[in-house]
Amino acid sequence: MQLVIVASFVSRLEAGIAAGVLEMNGIAHTIRGDDVGIFGPGHIGPSVLGVDLVVQEADLARARLLLRDAGLIR
């Protein structure tokens, strides 16, 4: 199973919204990032390093289409 980045976001909150779209459409995903830092896991503000939404390579095209249709990526 090859994991690929479908989109990157400035915050875990934005990535979570996009992840919800994928989840509602049956696409397995994970959110990956080093955004916790000194603020702890409840921090929802922007991350300097960004937050990646990751899916299986086989789901990449469909995931991108769903996120574009939802207006979450270009």
N, C-alpha and C. Protein backbone atom coordinates (compact mmCIF):
# COMPACT_ATOMS: atom_id res chain seq x y z
N MET A 1 0.85 -1.17 0.00
CA MET A 1 0.00 0.00 0.00
C MET A 1 0.90 1.24 0.00
N GLN A 2 0.78 2.04 -1.03
CA GLN A 2 1.56 3.27 -1.16
C GLN A 2 0.70 4.45 -0.75
N LEU A 3 1.17 5.23 0.23
CA LEU A 3 0.45 6.42 0.67
C LEU A 3 1.00 7.64 -0.03
N VAL A 4 0.10 8.54 -0.44
CA VAL A 4 0.49 9.75 -1.14
C VAL A 4 -0.27 10.95 -0.56
N ILE A 5 0.32 12.11 -0.69
CA ILE A 5 -0.31 13.34 -0.21
C ILE A 5 -1.34 13.79 -1.24
N VAL A 6 -2.58 13.92 -0.80
CA VAL A 6 -3.62 14.42 -1.70
C VAL A 6 -3.69 15.94 -1.62
N ALA A 7 -3.39 16.51 -0.44
CA ALA A 7 -3.41 17.97 -0.28
C ALA A 7 -2.68 18.34 1.00
N SER A 8 -2.18 19.57 1.03
CA SER A 8 -1.56 20.12 2.22
C SER A 8 -2.35 21.35 2.65
N PHE A 9 -2.45 21.53 3.96
CA PHE A 9 -3.24 22.62 4.53
C PHE A 9 -2.41 23.38 5.55
N VAL A 10 -2.84 24.58 5.89
CA VAL A 10 -2.09 25.38 6.86
C VAL A 10 -2.44 25.03 8.30
N SER A 11 -3.55 24.29 8.51
CA SER A 11 -3.91 23.92 9.87
C SER A 11 -4.54 22.53 9.90
N ARG A 12 -4.49 21.91 11.07
CA ARG A 12 -5.12 20.60 11.26
C ARG A 12 -6.64 20.73 11.14
N LEU A 13 -7.19 21.86 11.50
CA LEU A 13 -8.63 22.08 11.37
C LEU A 13 -9.06 22.00 9.90
N GLU A 14 -8.35 22.68 9.02
CA GLU A 14 -8.68 22.63 7.59
C GLU A 14 -8.50 21.22 7.04
N ALA A 15 -7.43 20.56 7.45
CA ALA A 15 -7.21 19.18 7.00
C ALA A 15 -8.32 18.27 7.49
N GLY A 16 -8.81 18.53 8.70
CA GLY A 16 -9.90 17.72 9.24
C GLY A 16 -11.20 17.89 8.48
N ILE A 17 -11.47 19.09 8.02
CA ILE A 17 -12.66 19.33 7.21
C ILE A 17 -12.57 18.54 5.91
N ALA A 18 -11.42 18.60 5.27
CA ALA A 18 -11.21 17.85 4.02
C ALA A 18 -11.28 16.34 4.29
N ALA A 19 -10.73 15.90 5.41
CA ALA A 19 -10.78 14.48 5.76
C ALA A 19 -12.22 14.02 5.92
N GLY A 20 -13.08 14.90 6.43
CA GLY A 20 -14.49 14.55 6.58
C GLY A 20 -15.15 14.28 5.24
N VAL A 21 -14.79 15.05 4.23
CA VAL A 21 -15.33 14.83 2.88
C VAL A 21 -14.92 13.45 2.38
N LEU A 22 -13.65 13.12 2.58
CA LEU A 22 -13.17 11.80 2.13
C LEU A 22 -13.85 10.68 2.90
N GLU A 23 -13.98 10.86 4.21
CA GLU A 23 -14.61 9.84 5.05
C GLU A 23 -16.05 9.58 4.63
N MET A 24 -16.79 10.65 4.33
CA MET A 24 -18.19 10.50 3.90
C MET A 24 -18.30 9.75 2.59
N ASN A 25 -17.21 9.72 1.83
CA ASN A 25 -17.21 9.04 0.53
C ASN A 25 -16.43 7.74 0.55
N GLY A 26 -16.12 7.24 1.75
CA GLY A 26 -15.51 5.93 1.88
C GLY A 26 -14.03 5.84 1.53
N ILE A 27 -13.32 6.96 1.56
CA ILE A 27 -11.90 6.94 1.25
C ILE A 27 -11.09 6.98 2.53
N ALA A 28 -10.29 5.94 2.74
CA ALA A 28 -9.41 5.88 3.91
C ALA A 28 -8.36 6.97 3.81
N HIS A 29 -8.02 7.59 4.93
CA HIS A 29 -7.09 8.71 4.92
C HIS A 29 -6.41 8.82 6.28
N THR A 30 -5.40 9.64 6.32
CA THR A 30 -4.78 10.01 7.59
C THR A 30 -4.31 11.45 7.47
N ILE A 31 -4.22 12.12 8.60
CA ILE A 31 -3.70 13.48 8.65
C ILE A 31 -2.32 13.40 9.27
N ARG A 32 -1.36 14.01 8.60
CA ARG A 32 0.03 13.90 9.04
C ARG A 32 0.65 15.29 9.11
N GLY A 33 1.29 15.60 10.23
CA GLY A 33 1.97 16.88 10.33
C GLY A 33 2.66 17.05 11.67
N ASP A 34 3.58 17.96 11.72
CA ASP A 34 4.32 18.29 12.94
C ASP A 34 3.78 19.59 13.50
N ASP A 35 2.47 19.70 13.56
CA ASP A 35 1.85 20.97 13.90
C ASP A 35 1.54 21.15 15.39
N VAL A 36 1.76 20.14 16.20
CA VAL A 36 1.39 20.24 17.61
C VAL A 36 2.29 21.23 18.34
N GLY A 37 3.58 21.06 18.25
CA GLY A 37 4.54 21.99 18.83
C GLY A 37 4.30 22.29 20.29
N ILE A 38 4.59 23.52 20.70
CA ILE A 38 4.50 23.90 22.11
C ILE A 38 3.07 24.12 22.58
N PHE A 39 2.12 24.19 21.67
CA PHE A 39 0.75 24.51 22.03
C PHE A 39 -0.06 23.28 22.41
N GLY A 40 0.43 22.10 22.16
CA GLY A 40 -0.27 20.87 22.51
C GLY A 40 -1.25 20.43 21.44
N PRO A 41 -1.88 19.27 21.64
CA PRO A 41 -2.73 18.68 20.61
C PRO A 41 -4.03 19.44 20.33
N GLY A 42 -4.42 20.37 21.19
CA GLY A 42 -5.64 21.12 20.96
C GLY A 42 -5.46 22.34 20.07
N HIS A 43 -4.24 22.62 19.66
CA HIS A 43 -3.95 23.79 18.83
C HIS A 43 -4.61 23.64 17.46
N ILE A 44 -5.42 24.64 17.06
CA ILE A 44 -6.08 24.57 15.75
C ILE A 44 -5.64 25.70 14.82
N GLY A 45 -4.67 26.47 15.24
CA GLY A 45 -4.19 27.58 14.42
C GLY A 45 -3.28 27.10 13.31
N PRO A 46 -2.73 28.03 12.56
CA PRO A 46 -1.86 27.68 11.44
C PRO A 46 -0.57 27.00 11.90
N SER A 47 -0.05 26.17 11.01
CA SER A 47 1.20 25.47 11.25
C SER A 47 2.23 25.96 10.26
N VAL A 48 3.40 26.30 10.74
CA VAL A 48 4.47 26.75 9.85
C VAL A 48 4.85 25.66 8.85
N LEU A 49 4.80 24.41 9.29
CA LEU A 49 5.22 23.29 8.45
C LEU A 49 4.09 22.74 7.59
N GLY A 50 2.85 23.12 7.87
CA GLY A 50 1.72 22.58 7.11
C GLY A 50 1.28 21.23 7.64
N VAL A 51 0.12 20.82 7.18
CA VAL A 51 -0.47 19.54 7.58
C VAL A 51 -0.91 18.83 6.31
N ASP A 52 -0.50 17.58 6.15
CA ASP A 52 -0.79 16.81 4.95
C ASP A 52 -1.96 15.87 5.15
N LEU A 53 -2.81 15.78 4.15
CA LEU A 53 -3.88 14.79 4.10
C LEU A 53 -3.40 13.70 3.15
N VAL A 54 -3.33 12.48 3.66
CA VAL A 54 -2.71 11.37 2.94
C VAL A 54 -3.75 10.29 2.65
N VAL A 55 -3.69 9.74 1.43
CA VAL A 55 -4.59 8.65 1.02
C VAL A 55 -3.76 7.57 0.32
N GLN A 56 -4.41 6.43 0.09
CA GLN A 56 -3.76 5.39 -0.70
C GLN A 56 -3.67 5.85 -2.15
N GLU A 57 -2.60 5.48 -2.80
CA GLU A 57 -2.36 5.92 -4.17
C GLU A 57 -3.53 5.58 -5.10
N ALA A 58 -4.16 4.45 -4.88
CA ALA A 58 -5.28 4.03 -5.73
C ALA A 58 -6.48 4.97 -5.59
N ASP A 59 -6.58 5.69 -4.47
CA ASP A 59 -7.70 6.60 -4.23
C ASP A 59 -7.39 8.05 -4.56
N LEU A 60 -6.18 8.34 -5.02
CA LEU A 60 -5.73 9.72 -5.19
C LEU A 60 -6.61 10.53 -6.15
N ALA A 61 -6.87 10.02 -7.33
CA ALA A 61 -7.64 10.78 -8.32
C ALA A 61 -9.05 11.09 -7.81
N ARG A 62 -9.71 10.11 -7.23
CA ARG A 62 -11.06 10.31 -6.71
C ARG A 62 -11.05 11.29 -5.54
N ALA A 63 -10.06 11.18 -4.67
CA ALA A 63 -9.96 12.08 -3.52
C ALA A 63 -9.77 13.53 -3.99
N ARG A 64 -8.91 13.74 -4.97
CA ARG A 64 -8.70 15.09 -5.50
C ARG A 64 -9.99 15.65 -6.10
N LEU A 65 -10.70 14.82 -6.84
CA LEU A 65 -11.95 15.25 -7.46
C LEU A 65 -12.97 15.66 -6.38
N LEU A 66 -13.10 14.85 -5.35
CA LEU A 66 -14.04 15.16 -4.27
C LEU A 66 -13.67 16.46 -3.56
N LEU A 67 -12.39 16.66 -3.29
CA LEU A 67 -11.95 17.86 -2.61
C LEU A 67 -12.10 19.10 -3.48
N ARG A 68 -11.87 18.95 -4.79
CA ARG A 68 -12.10 20.08 -5.70
C ARG A 68 -13.58 20.42 -5.76
N ASP A 69 -14.41 19.41 -5.89
CA ASP A 69 -15.87 19.63 -5.95
C ASP A 69 -16.37 20.33 -4.67
N ALA A 70 -15.73 20.03 -3.55
CA ALA A 70 -16.11 20.65 -2.28
C ALA A 70 -15.51 22.03 -2.10
N GLY A 71 -14.65 22.46 -3.04
CA GLY A 71 -14.02 23.76 -2.98
C GLY A 71 -12.90 23.86 -1.96
N LEU A 72 -12.33 22.71 -1.60
CA LEU A 72 -11.27 22.69 -0.58
C LEU A 72 -9.86 22.73 -1.17
N ILE A 73 -9.73 22.38 -2.44
CA ILE A 73 -8.44 22.51 -3.15
C ILE A 73 -8.73 23.03 -4.54
N ARG A 74 -7.68 23.49 -5.20
CA ARG A 74 -7.82 23.99 -6.58
C ARG A 74 -7.56 22.90 -7.58
